[in-house]
């Protein structure tokens, strides 16, 4: 009887494939969870908010504070400007399909922590942990994670920089006697 070399198993997973599959599975579960939460009938909003539910508003509060924390170099922080209410008003002005997309984006970031090793949603983290979490999305080699981070950052930054308190602070800085003429010359040339 001749000994033939044993063939490799027909289906063998490497550690990289297993990790990638786990991450993809977690992402799918996050999206399914986001969809379930968005379309559930028992959704209630917080007093004073038009669109966002309590979990969405809490997640957005932590995320906006991570982007614009207390003591940032621009001026007021996210909580001082009530950025969650400001973004809620912005979302309320969107058509329903766009509202769903922005709210899904918030929920993906809220639930995405579960797949990132934090073992609790972003709304349960402090803003320092949330900032580290956001940095992992921004620095990711996966294009879709980087793109989702850019989308969230755009929504938050547009709301922040259009807030009257921030505009006022930026105007005061731009009209500073020592910087004013220099900034004006740069804008003209």
N, C-alpha and C. Protein backbone atom coordinates (compact mmCIF):
# COMPACT_ATOMS: atom_id res chain seq x y z
N UNK A 1 0.83 -1.15 0.00
CA UNK A 1 0.00 0.00 0.00
C UNK A 1 0.89 1.24 0.00
N UNK A 2 0.57 2.19 -0.89
CA UNK A 2 1.37 3.40 -1.05
C UNK A 2 0.83 4.50 -0.16
N UNK A 3 1.74 5.19 0.52
CA UNK A 3 1.33 6.33 1.35
C UNK A 3 1.34 7.59 0.51
N UNK A 4 0.19 8.19 0.37
CA UNK A 4 0.07 9.46 -0.33
C UNK A 4 0.06 10.59 0.69
N UNK A 5 0.64 11.74 0.32
CA UNK A 5 0.58 12.86 1.27
C UNK A 5 -0.88 13.26 1.49
N UNK A 6 -1.15 13.59 2.72
CA UNK A 6 -2.52 13.96 3.07
C UNK A 6 -2.85 15.34 2.50
N UNK A 7 -3.98 15.45 1.83
CA UNK A 7 -4.42 16.72 1.24
C UNK A 7 -4.85 17.67 2.36
N UNK A 8 -4.61 18.96 2.16
CA UNK A 8 -5.07 19.91 3.17
C UNK A 8 -6.59 19.91 3.25
N UNK A 9 -7.12 20.27 4.39
CA UNK A 9 -8.58 20.30 4.49
C UNK A 9 -9.18 21.22 3.43
N UNK A 10 -10.35 20.87 2.98
CA UNK A 10 -11.00 21.64 1.90
C UNK A 10 -11.31 23.06 2.34
N UNK A 11 -11.57 23.27 3.61
CA UNK A 11 -11.93 24.60 4.09
C UNK A 11 -11.14 24.89 5.35
N UNK A 12 -10.06 25.65 5.19
CA UNK A 12 -9.23 26.00 6.34
C UNK A 12 -9.17 27.53 6.46
N UNK A 13 -9.41 28.01 7.65
CA UNK A 13 -9.38 29.45 7.89
C UNK A 13 -8.05 29.86 8.52
N UNK A 14 -7.52 30.96 8.03
CA UNK A 14 -6.35 31.53 8.68
C UNK A 14 -6.84 32.46 9.79
N UNK A 15 -5.94 32.88 10.66
CA UNK A 15 -6.33 33.81 11.72
C UNK A 15 -6.81 35.13 11.13
N UNK A 16 -6.16 35.59 10.07
CA UNK A 16 -6.54 36.85 9.43
C UNK A 16 -7.96 36.75 8.86
N UNK A 17 -8.27 35.62 8.21
CA UNK A 17 -9.61 35.45 7.66
C UNK A 17 -10.66 35.38 8.77
N UNK A 18 -10.31 34.71 9.85
CA UNK A 18 -11.23 34.60 10.97
C UNK A 18 -11.47 35.97 11.61
N UNK A 19 -10.41 36.75 11.80
CA UNK A 19 -10.56 38.09 12.37
C UNK A 19 -11.37 38.99 11.44
N UNK A 20 -11.08 38.94 10.14
CA UNK A 20 -11.82 39.73 9.17
C UNK A 20 -13.29 39.34 9.13
N UNK A 21 -13.56 38.06 9.18
CA UNK A 21 -14.94 37.59 9.20
C UNK A 21 -15.67 38.02 10.46
N UNK A 22 -14.96 37.98 11.59
CA UNK A 22 -15.56 38.43 12.84
C UNK A 22 -15.90 39.91 12.79
N UNK A 23 -14.97 40.71 12.25
CA UNK A 23 -15.21 42.14 12.13
C UNK A 23 -16.38 42.42 11.19
N UNK A 24 -16.41 41.72 10.07
CA UNK A 24 -17.52 41.90 9.12
C UNK A 24 -18.84 41.49 9.75
N UNK A 25 -18.83 40.40 10.51
CA UNK A 25 -20.05 39.96 11.19
C UNK A 25 -20.52 40.98 12.22
N UNK A 26 -19.57 41.55 12.96
CA UNK A 26 -19.91 42.57 13.94
C UNK A 26 -20.47 43.82 13.26
N UNK A 27 -19.89 44.18 12.10
CA UNK A 27 -20.39 45.33 11.36
C UNK A 27 -21.82 45.09 10.88
N UNK A 28 -22.08 43.89 10.37
CA UNK A 28 -23.43 43.55 9.90
C UNK A 28 -24.41 43.60 11.07
N UNK A 29 -24.01 43.04 12.22
CA UNK A 29 -24.89 43.08 13.39
C UNK A 29 -25.14 44.51 13.85
N UNK A 30 -24.12 45.37 13.77
CA UNK A 30 -24.31 46.77 14.14
C UNK A 30 -25.31 47.45 13.22
N UNK A 31 -25.18 47.20 11.91
CA UNK A 31 -26.10 47.81 10.95
C UNK A 31 -27.52 47.28 11.14
N UNK A 32 -27.64 45.97 11.37
CA UNK A 32 -28.96 45.39 11.62
C UNK A 32 -29.55 45.97 12.90
N UNK A 33 -28.72 46.08 13.94
CA UNK A 33 -29.19 46.68 15.19
C UNK A 33 -29.61 48.12 15.00
N UNK A 34 -28.84 48.85 14.18
CA UNK A 34 -29.18 50.25 13.90
C UNK A 34 -30.52 50.33 13.19
N UNK A 35 -30.71 49.48 12.20
CA UNK A 35 -31.99 49.47 11.48
C UNK A 35 -33.15 49.11 12.37
N UNK A 36 -32.94 48.13 13.24
CA UNK A 36 -34.01 47.72 14.14
C UNK A 36 -34.37 48.87 15.07
N UNK A 37 -33.37 49.56 15.61
CA UNK A 37 -33.63 50.66 16.52
C UNK A 37 -34.31 51.83 15.81
N UNK A 38 -33.89 52.11 14.58
CA UNK A 38 -34.45 53.26 13.87
C UNK A 38 -35.91 53.06 13.49
N UNK A 39 -36.26 51.83 13.19
CA UNK A 39 -37.61 51.59 12.69
C UNK A 39 -38.52 50.94 13.73
N UNK A 40 -38.08 50.88 14.98
CA UNK A 40 -38.93 50.31 16.01
C UNK A 40 -40.05 51.29 16.34
N UNK A 41 -41.21 50.74 16.67
CA UNK A 41 -42.39 51.58 16.88
C UNK A 41 -42.32 52.36 18.20
N UNK A 42 -41.59 51.89 19.18
CA UNK A 42 -41.59 52.52 20.49
C UNK A 42 -40.59 53.66 20.62
N UNK A 43 -40.18 54.25 19.53
CA UNK A 43 -39.16 55.31 19.57
C UNK A 43 -39.76 56.58 20.16
N UNK A 44 -39.06 57.11 21.14
CA UNK A 44 -39.49 58.37 21.73
C UNK A 44 -38.34 59.36 21.67
N UNK A 45 -38.68 60.62 21.57
CA UNK A 45 -37.66 61.65 21.56
C UNK A 45 -37.60 62.32 22.93
N UNK A 46 -36.53 63.03 23.18
CA UNK A 46 -36.34 63.75 24.43
C UNK A 46 -37.10 65.06 24.32
N UNK A 47 -37.55 65.55 25.46
CA UNK A 47 -38.20 66.86 25.46
C UNK A 47 -37.27 67.90 24.85
N UNK A 48 -37.79 68.66 23.91
CA UNK A 48 -37.00 69.70 23.27
C UNK A 48 -36.31 69.24 22.00
N UNK A 49 -36.21 67.94 21.77
CA UNK A 49 -35.62 67.44 20.53
C UNK A 49 -36.73 67.00 19.60
N UNK A 50 -36.51 67.18 18.31
CA UNK A 50 -37.54 66.89 17.33
C UNK A 50 -37.40 65.51 16.71
N UNK A 51 -36.16 65.03 16.58
CA UNK A 51 -35.92 63.81 15.81
C UNK A 51 -35.21 62.74 16.62
N UNK A 52 -34.18 63.11 17.35
CA UNK A 52 -33.30 62.13 17.99
C UNK A 52 -33.94 61.48 19.21
N UNK A 53 -33.70 60.17 19.35
CA UNK A 53 -34.14 59.44 20.53
C UNK A 53 -33.11 59.63 21.64
N UNK A 54 -33.42 59.17 22.84
CA UNK A 54 -32.50 59.31 23.97
C UNK A 54 -31.14 58.66 23.69
N UNK A 55 -31.08 57.39 23.22
CA UNK A 55 -29.76 56.80 22.95
C UNK A 55 -28.98 57.56 21.87
N UNK A 56 -29.67 58.01 20.84
CA UNK A 56 -29.00 58.76 19.78
C UNK A 56 -28.45 60.08 20.30
N UNK A 57 -29.25 60.79 21.09
CA UNK A 57 -28.82 62.07 21.64
C UNK A 57 -27.65 61.89 22.61
N UNK A 58 -27.71 60.84 23.43
CA UNK A 58 -26.61 60.57 24.37
C UNK A 58 -25.33 60.23 23.62
N UNK A 59 -25.45 59.41 22.57
CA UNK A 59 -24.27 59.06 21.76
C UNK A 59 -23.71 60.29 21.07
N UNK A 60 -24.60 61.10 20.51
CA UNK A 60 -24.16 62.30 19.82
C UNK A 60 -23.51 63.29 20.78
N UNK A 61 -23.99 63.34 22.01
CA UNK A 61 -23.39 64.22 23.02
C UNK A 61 -21.94 63.83 23.28
N UNK A 62 -21.68 62.55 23.45
CA UNK A 62 -20.31 62.08 23.70
C UNK A 62 -19.45 62.30 22.46
N UNK A 63 -19.98 62.01 21.28
CA UNK A 63 -19.21 62.16 20.04
C UNK A 63 -18.87 63.62 19.76
N UNK A 64 -19.84 64.52 19.93
CA UNK A 64 -19.57 65.93 19.66
C UNK A 64 -18.58 66.49 20.68
N UNK A 65 -18.67 66.04 21.92
CA UNK A 65 -17.71 66.49 22.94
C UNK A 65 -16.32 65.96 22.63
N UNK A 66 -16.22 64.77 22.03
CA UNK A 66 -14.91 64.25 21.64
C UNK A 66 -14.31 65.08 20.52
N UNK A 67 -15.14 65.58 19.61
CA UNK A 67 -14.64 66.44 18.52
C UNK A 67 -14.30 67.84 19.02
N UNK A 68 -15.14 68.40 19.89
CA UNK A 68 -14.95 69.76 20.40
C UNK A 68 -15.02 69.75 21.93
N UNK A 69 -13.93 69.30 22.58
CA UNK A 69 -13.93 69.13 24.04
C UNK A 69 -13.79 70.46 24.77
N UNK A 70 -13.98 70.42 26.08
CA UNK A 70 -13.74 71.63 26.88
C UNK A 70 -12.29 72.08 26.72
N UNK A 71 -12.10 73.38 26.60
CA UNK A 71 -10.75 73.92 26.47
C UNK A 71 -10.16 73.79 25.08
N UNK A 72 -10.99 73.53 24.06
CA UNK A 72 -10.44 73.45 22.70
C UNK A 72 -9.97 74.84 22.27
N UNK A 73 -9.12 74.89 21.27
CA UNK A 73 -8.52 76.15 20.86
C UNK A 73 -9.42 77.08 20.09
N UNK A 74 -10.61 76.64 19.73
CA UNK A 74 -11.50 77.45 18.90
C UNK A 74 -12.38 78.35 19.76
N UNK A 75 -12.93 77.78 20.82
CA UNK A 75 -13.83 78.55 21.66
C UNK A 75 -14.72 77.65 22.48
N UNK A 76 -16.04 77.85 22.42
CA UNK A 76 -16.95 77.07 23.25
C UNK A 76 -16.89 75.58 22.91
N UNK A 77 -17.11 74.75 23.94
CA UNK A 77 -17.13 73.31 23.66
C UNK A 77 -18.51 72.88 23.19
N UNK A 78 -18.63 71.62 22.83
CA UNK A 78 -19.87 71.11 22.26
C UNK A 78 -21.05 71.25 23.22
N UNK A 79 -20.82 71.03 24.49
CA UNK A 79 -21.93 71.12 25.46
C UNK A 79 -22.34 72.56 25.71
N UNK A 80 -21.38 73.48 25.71
CA UNK A 80 -21.72 74.90 25.90
C UNK A 80 -22.62 75.41 24.79
N UNK A 81 -22.41 74.91 23.59
CA UNK A 81 -23.19 75.36 22.44
C UNK A 81 -24.47 74.55 22.23
N UNK A 82 -24.72 73.57 23.12
CA UNK A 82 -25.86 72.66 22.97
C UNK A 82 -25.90 72.09 21.55
N UNK A 83 -24.78 71.55 21.14
CA UNK A 83 -24.60 71.08 19.77
C UNK A 83 -25.58 69.96 19.41
N UNK A 84 -25.95 69.13 20.38
CA UNK A 84 -26.90 68.04 20.10
C UNK A 84 -28.24 68.63 19.65
N UNK A 85 -28.73 69.65 20.33
CA UNK A 85 -29.99 70.29 19.93
C UNK A 85 -29.85 70.97 18.57
N UNK A 86 -28.70 71.55 18.34
CA UNK A 86 -28.45 72.23 17.07
C UNK A 86 -28.45 71.22 15.91
N UNK A 87 -27.78 70.07 16.11
CA UNK A 87 -27.76 69.03 15.07
C UNK A 87 -29.14 68.41 14.91
N UNK A 88 -29.88 68.24 16.00
CA UNK A 88 -31.24 67.73 15.91
C UNK A 88 -32.10 68.63 15.03
N UNK A 89 -31.96 69.95 15.18
CA UNK A 89 -32.69 70.88 14.32
C UNK A 89 -32.29 70.76 12.87
N UNK A 90 -30.99 70.52 12.63
CA UNK A 90 -30.50 70.31 11.26
C UNK A 90 -31.10 69.04 10.67
N UNK A 91 -31.10 67.96 11.44
CA UNK A 91 -31.64 66.68 10.95
C UNK A 91 -33.13 66.82 10.67
N UNK A 92 -33.84 67.58 11.50
CA UNK A 92 -35.27 67.77 11.31
C UNK A 92 -35.59 68.44 9.98
N UNK A 93 -34.69 69.24 9.46
CA UNK A 93 -34.91 69.93 8.19
C UNK A 93 -34.64 69.05 6.97
N UNK A 94 -34.03 67.89 7.18
CA UNK A 94 -33.72 67.00 6.07
C UNK A 94 -34.95 66.19 5.67
N UNK A 95 -34.95 65.69 4.45
CA UNK A 95 -36.00 64.77 4.02
C UNK A 95 -35.83 63.44 4.76
N UNK A 96 -36.88 62.65 4.85
CA UNK A 96 -36.84 61.41 5.63
C UNK A 96 -35.70 60.46 5.25
N UNK A 97 -35.40 60.24 3.97
CA UNK A 97 -34.29 59.32 3.67
C UNK A 97 -32.95 59.83 4.21
N UNK A 98 -32.71 61.13 4.14
CA UNK A 98 -31.46 61.70 4.67
C UNK A 98 -31.46 61.68 6.19
N UNK A 99 -32.62 61.89 6.81
CA UNK A 99 -32.70 61.77 8.27
C UNK A 99 -32.29 60.38 8.71
N UNK A 100 -32.79 59.39 7.99
CA UNK A 100 -32.47 58.00 8.32
C UNK A 100 -30.97 57.74 8.18
N UNK A 101 -30.36 58.29 7.14
CA UNK A 101 -28.91 58.09 6.94
C UNK A 101 -28.10 58.71 8.07
N UNK A 102 -28.42 59.94 8.45
CA UNK A 102 -27.65 60.60 9.51
C UNK A 102 -27.87 59.89 10.84
N UNK A 103 -29.10 59.50 11.12
CA UNK A 103 -29.38 58.80 12.37
C UNK A 103 -28.72 57.42 12.38
N UNK A 104 -28.67 56.77 11.24
CA UNK A 104 -27.96 55.48 11.15
C UNK A 104 -26.47 55.67 11.40
N UNK A 105 -25.92 56.75 10.88
CA UNK A 105 -24.51 57.05 11.09
C UNK A 105 -24.21 57.20 12.59
N UNK A 106 -25.07 57.91 13.29
CA UNK A 106 -24.90 58.07 14.75
C UNK A 106 -24.98 56.72 15.44
N UNK A 107 -25.94 55.90 15.05
CA UNK A 107 -26.12 54.60 15.68
C UNK A 107 -24.96 53.66 15.37
N UNK A 108 -24.42 53.72 14.15
CA UNK A 108 -23.27 52.88 13.81
C UNK A 108 -22.09 53.23 14.71
N UNK A 109 -21.85 54.52 14.92
CA UNK A 109 -20.75 54.91 15.81
C UNK A 109 -21.06 54.53 17.26
N UNK A 110 -22.31 54.62 17.65
CA UNK A 110 -22.69 54.24 19.02
C UNK A 110 -22.46 52.75 19.25
N UNK A 111 -22.92 51.93 18.34
CA UNK A 111 -22.82 50.48 18.51
C UNK A 111 -21.48 49.90 18.04
N UNK A 112 -20.76 50.66 17.24
CA UNK A 112 -19.48 50.17 16.72
C UNK A 112 -18.44 49.91 17.79
N UNK A 113 -18.61 50.53 18.95
CA UNK A 113 -17.65 50.29 20.04
C UNK A 113 -17.68 48.84 20.48
N UNK A 114 -18.82 48.20 20.34
CA UNK A 114 -18.95 46.80 20.77
C UNK A 114 -18.02 45.90 19.97
N UNK A 115 -17.76 46.26 18.72
CA UNK A 115 -16.85 45.48 17.87
C UNK A 115 -15.40 45.95 18.01
N UNK A 116 -15.19 47.03 18.75
CA UNK A 116 -13.85 47.60 18.88
C UNK A 116 -13.20 47.32 20.22
N UNK A 117 -13.80 46.47 21.02
CA UNK A 117 -13.20 46.08 22.28
C UNK A 117 -13.60 46.91 23.49
N UNK A 118 -14.51 47.86 23.35
CA UNK A 118 -14.92 48.66 24.50
C UNK A 118 -16.03 48.00 25.32
N UNK A 119 -16.74 47.07 24.71
CA UNK A 119 -17.78 46.27 25.36
C UNK A 119 -18.96 47.07 25.90
N UNK A 120 -19.09 48.31 25.47
CA UNK A 120 -20.27 49.10 25.79
C UNK A 120 -20.42 50.18 24.72
N UNK A 121 -21.63 50.66 24.51
CA UNK A 121 -21.85 51.66 23.45
C UNK A 121 -21.11 52.96 23.75
N UNK A 122 -20.91 53.76 22.72
CA UNK A 122 -20.15 55.01 22.87
C UNK A 122 -20.83 55.96 23.85
N UNK A 123 -22.14 55.89 23.97
CA UNK A 123 -22.85 56.79 24.88
C UNK A 123 -22.50 56.50 26.34
N UNK A 124 -21.90 55.35 26.62
CA UNK A 124 -21.50 55.00 27.99
C UNK A 124 -20.02 55.31 28.25
N UNK A 125 -19.30 55.79 27.24
CA UNK A 125 -17.89 56.14 27.39
C UNK A 125 -17.77 57.61 27.79
N UNK A 126 -16.61 57.97 28.35
CA UNK A 126 -16.36 59.40 28.53
C UNK A 126 -15.77 59.94 27.23
N UNK A 127 -15.67 61.26 27.12
CA UNK A 127 -15.27 61.84 25.84
C UNK A 127 -13.83 61.52 25.48
N UNK A 128 -12.97 61.27 26.46
CA UNK A 128 -11.58 60.92 26.16
C UNK A 128 -11.51 59.55 25.49
N UNK A 129 -12.26 58.58 26.02
CA UNK A 129 -12.33 57.26 25.39
C UNK A 129 -12.96 57.36 24.00
N UNK A 130 -14.00 58.18 23.89
CA UNK A 130 -14.66 58.36 22.60
C UNK A 130 -13.70 58.97 21.58
N UNK A 131 -12.85 59.87 22.04
CA UNK A 131 -11.87 60.48 21.14
C UNK A 131 -10.88 59.43 20.61
N UNK A 132 -10.43 58.53 21.48
CA UNK A 132 -9.55 57.44 21.06
C UNK A 132 -10.27 56.53 20.06
N UNK A 133 -11.53 56.24 20.35
CA UNK A 133 -12.35 55.41 19.46
C UNK A 133 -12.50 56.06 18.09
N UNK A 134 -12.79 57.36 18.06
CA UNK A 134 -12.92 58.09 16.79
C UNK A 134 -11.59 58.11 16.03
N UNK A 135 -10.49 58.25 16.75
CA UNK A 135 -9.17 58.25 16.11
C UNK A 135 -8.90 56.90 15.44
N UNK A 136 -9.37 55.82 16.05
CA UNK A 136 -9.18 54.50 15.44
C UNK A 136 -9.95 54.38 14.12
N UNK A 137 -11.10 55.04 14.03
CA UNK A 137 -11.86 55.05 12.79
C UNK A 137 -11.17 55.93 11.75
N UNK A 138 -10.69 57.09 12.19
CA UNK A 138 -10.05 58.02 11.26
C UNK A 138 -8.75 57.44 10.70
N UNK A 139 -8.00 56.71 11.52
CA UNK A 139 -6.71 56.16 11.10
C UNK A 139 -6.81 54.77 10.51
N UNK A 140 -8.02 54.24 10.38
CA UNK A 140 -8.21 52.88 9.89
C UNK A 140 -7.74 52.74 8.44
N UNK A 141 -7.20 51.56 8.14
CA UNK A 141 -6.82 51.26 6.76
C UNK A 141 -8.04 50.87 5.93
N UNK A 142 -9.13 50.58 6.60
CA UNK A 142 -10.36 50.25 5.89
C UNK A 142 -11.03 51.54 5.43
N UNK A 143 -11.17 51.70 4.14
CA UNK A 143 -11.69 52.95 3.57
C UNK A 143 -13.09 53.27 4.08
N UNK A 144 -13.93 52.28 4.22
CA UNK A 144 -15.30 52.53 4.64
C UNK A 144 -15.35 53.11 6.06
N UNK A 145 -14.44 52.68 6.94
CA UNK A 145 -14.42 53.24 8.30
C UNK A 145 -13.96 54.70 8.26
N UNK A 146 -12.94 54.96 7.46
CA UNK A 146 -12.44 56.32 7.32
C UNK A 146 -13.52 57.23 6.73
N UNK A 147 -14.25 56.72 5.73
CA UNK A 147 -15.31 57.51 5.10
C UNK A 147 -16.47 57.79 6.06
N UNK A 148 -16.85 56.80 6.87
CA UNK A 148 -17.92 57.04 7.85
C UNK A 148 -17.48 58.07 8.89
N UNK A 149 -16.21 58.00 9.30
CA UNK A 149 -15.69 59.00 10.23
C UNK A 149 -15.75 60.38 9.61
N UNK A 150 -15.36 60.49 8.35
CA UNK A 150 -15.40 61.79 7.67
C UNK A 150 -16.82 62.31 7.58
N UNK A 151 -17.79 61.44 7.33
CA UNK A 151 -19.19 61.85 7.27
C UNK A 151 -19.68 62.39 8.60
N UNK A 152 -19.39 61.68 9.69
CA UNK A 152 -19.81 62.15 11.01
C UNK A 152 -19.11 63.45 11.36
N UNK A 153 -17.82 63.53 11.09
CA UNK A 153 -17.06 64.75 11.41
C UNK A 153 -17.61 65.94 10.62
N UNK A 154 -18.04 65.71 9.38
CA UNK A 154 -18.60 66.79 8.57
C UNK A 154 -19.91 67.32 9.16
N UNK A 155 -20.78 66.41 9.55
CA UNK A 155 -22.06 66.83 10.14
C UNK A 155 -21.82 67.63 11.41
N UNK A 156 -20.93 67.13 12.28
CA UNK A 156 -20.66 67.81 13.55
C UNK A 156 -19.97 69.15 13.31
N UNK A 157 -18.97 69.17 12.42
CA UNK A 157 -18.21 70.40 12.18
C UNK A 157 -19.09 71.48 11.53
N UNK A 158 -19.94 71.10 10.58
CA UNK A 158 -20.82 72.08 9.95
C UNK A 158 -21.76 72.71 10.97
N UNK A 159 -22.30 71.89 11.86
CA UNK A 159 -23.19 72.43 12.89
C UNK A 159 -22.41 73.31 13.86
N UNK A 160 -21.23 72.87 14.26
CA UNK A 160 -20.44 73.62 15.24
C UNK A 160 -20.03 74.98 14.68
N UNK A 161 -19.49 74.98 13.46
CA UNK A 161 -18.97 76.23 12.90
C UNK A 161 -20.07 77.17 12.40
N UNK A 162 -21.31 76.71 12.36
CA UNK A 162 -22.40 77.62 12.00
C UNK A 162 -23.15 78.10 13.24
N UNK A 163 -22.75 77.63 14.42
CA UNK A 163 -23.40 78.05 15.66
C UNK A 163 -23.05 79.51 15.95
N UNK A 164 -24.02 80.34 16.34
CA UNK A 164 -23.76 81.77 16.57
C UNK A 164 -22.63 82.05 17.58
N UNK A 165 -22.54 81.28 18.66
CA UNK A 165 -21.48 81.51 19.65
C UNK A 165 -20.10 81.26 19.06
N UNK A 166 -19.98 80.23 18.24
CA UNK A 166 -18.69 79.92 17.63
C UNK A 166 -18.35 80.97 16.58
N UNK A 167 -19.34 81.37 15.78
CA UNK A 167 -19.11 82.42 14.79
C UNK A 167 -18.68 83.71 15.46
N UNK A 168 -19.31 84.04 16.57
CA UNK A 168 -18.95 85.24 17.31
C UNK A 168 -17.51 85.14 17.83
N UNK A 169 -17.15 84.00 18.37
CA UNK A 169 -15.78 83.81 18.87
C UNK A 169 -14.77 83.92 17.73
N UNK A 170 -15.08 83.36 16.59
CA UNK A 170 -14.16 83.41 15.45
C UNK A 170 -14.06 84.84 14.91
N UNK A 171 -15.15 85.59 14.94
CA UNK A 171 -15.13 86.98 14.49
C UNK A 171 -14.27 87.82 15.42
N UNK A 172 -14.39 87.60 16.72
CA UNK A 172 -13.58 88.34 17.69
C UNK A 172 -12.10 88.05 17.43
N UNK A 173 -11.76 86.78 17.21
CA UNK A 173 -10.37 86.41 16.95
C UNK A 173 -9.88 87.01 15.64
N UNK A 174 -10.72 86.96 14.59
CA UNK A 174 -10.30 87.47 13.28
C UNK A 174 -10.17 88.99 13.29
N UNK A 175 -10.90 89.68 14.14
CA UNK A 175 -10.84 91.14 14.20
C UNK A 175 -9.85 91.65 15.25
N UNK A 176 -9.05 90.77 15.79
CA UNK A 176 -8.04 91.15 16.77
C UNK A 176 -7.09 92.16 16.12
N UNK A 177 -6.77 93.28 16.79
CA UNK A 177 -5.93 94.33 16.18
C UNK A 177 -4.59 93.82 15.65
N UNK A 178 -3.98 92.86 16.35
CA UNK A 178 -2.67 92.41 15.89
C UNK A 178 -2.78 91.46 14.71
N UNK A 179 -3.88 90.71 14.59
CA UNK A 179 -4.01 89.74 13.52
C UNK A 179 -4.86 90.25 12.37
N UNK A 180 -5.72 91.24 12.62
CA UNK A 180 -6.66 91.70 11.61
C UNK A 180 -6.04 92.09 10.29
N UNK A 181 -5.12 93.06 10.24
CA UNK A 181 -4.55 93.47 8.95
C UNK A 181 -3.83 92.33 8.23
N UNK A 182 -3.12 91.51 8.99
CA UNK A 182 -2.40 90.40 8.37
C UNK A 182 -3.39 89.41 7.74
N UNK A 183 -4.44 89.06 8.45
CA UNK A 183 -5.44 88.14 7.92
C UNK A 183 -6.15 88.75 6.71
N UNK A 184 -6.44 90.04 6.77
CA UNK A 184 -7.10 90.71 5.67
C UNK A 184 -6.23 90.69 4.42
N UNK A 185 -4.92 90.95 4.56
CA UNK A 185 -4.00 90.93 3.40
C UNK A 185 -3.93 89.53 2.80
N UNK A 186 -3.93 88.50 3.66
CA UNK A 186 -3.87 87.12 3.16
C UNK A 186 -5.15 86.77 2.41
N UNK A 187 -6.29 87.26 2.87
CA UNK A 187 -7.56 86.97 2.21
C UNK A 187 -7.65 87.66 0.85
N UNK A 188 -7.07 88.85 0.73
CA UNK A 188 -7.13 89.58 -0.54
C UNK A 188 -6.19 88.99 -1.58
N UNK A 189 -5.01 88.60 -1.16
CA UNK A 189 -4.02 88.11 -2.15
C UNK A 189 -4.23 86.68 -2.54
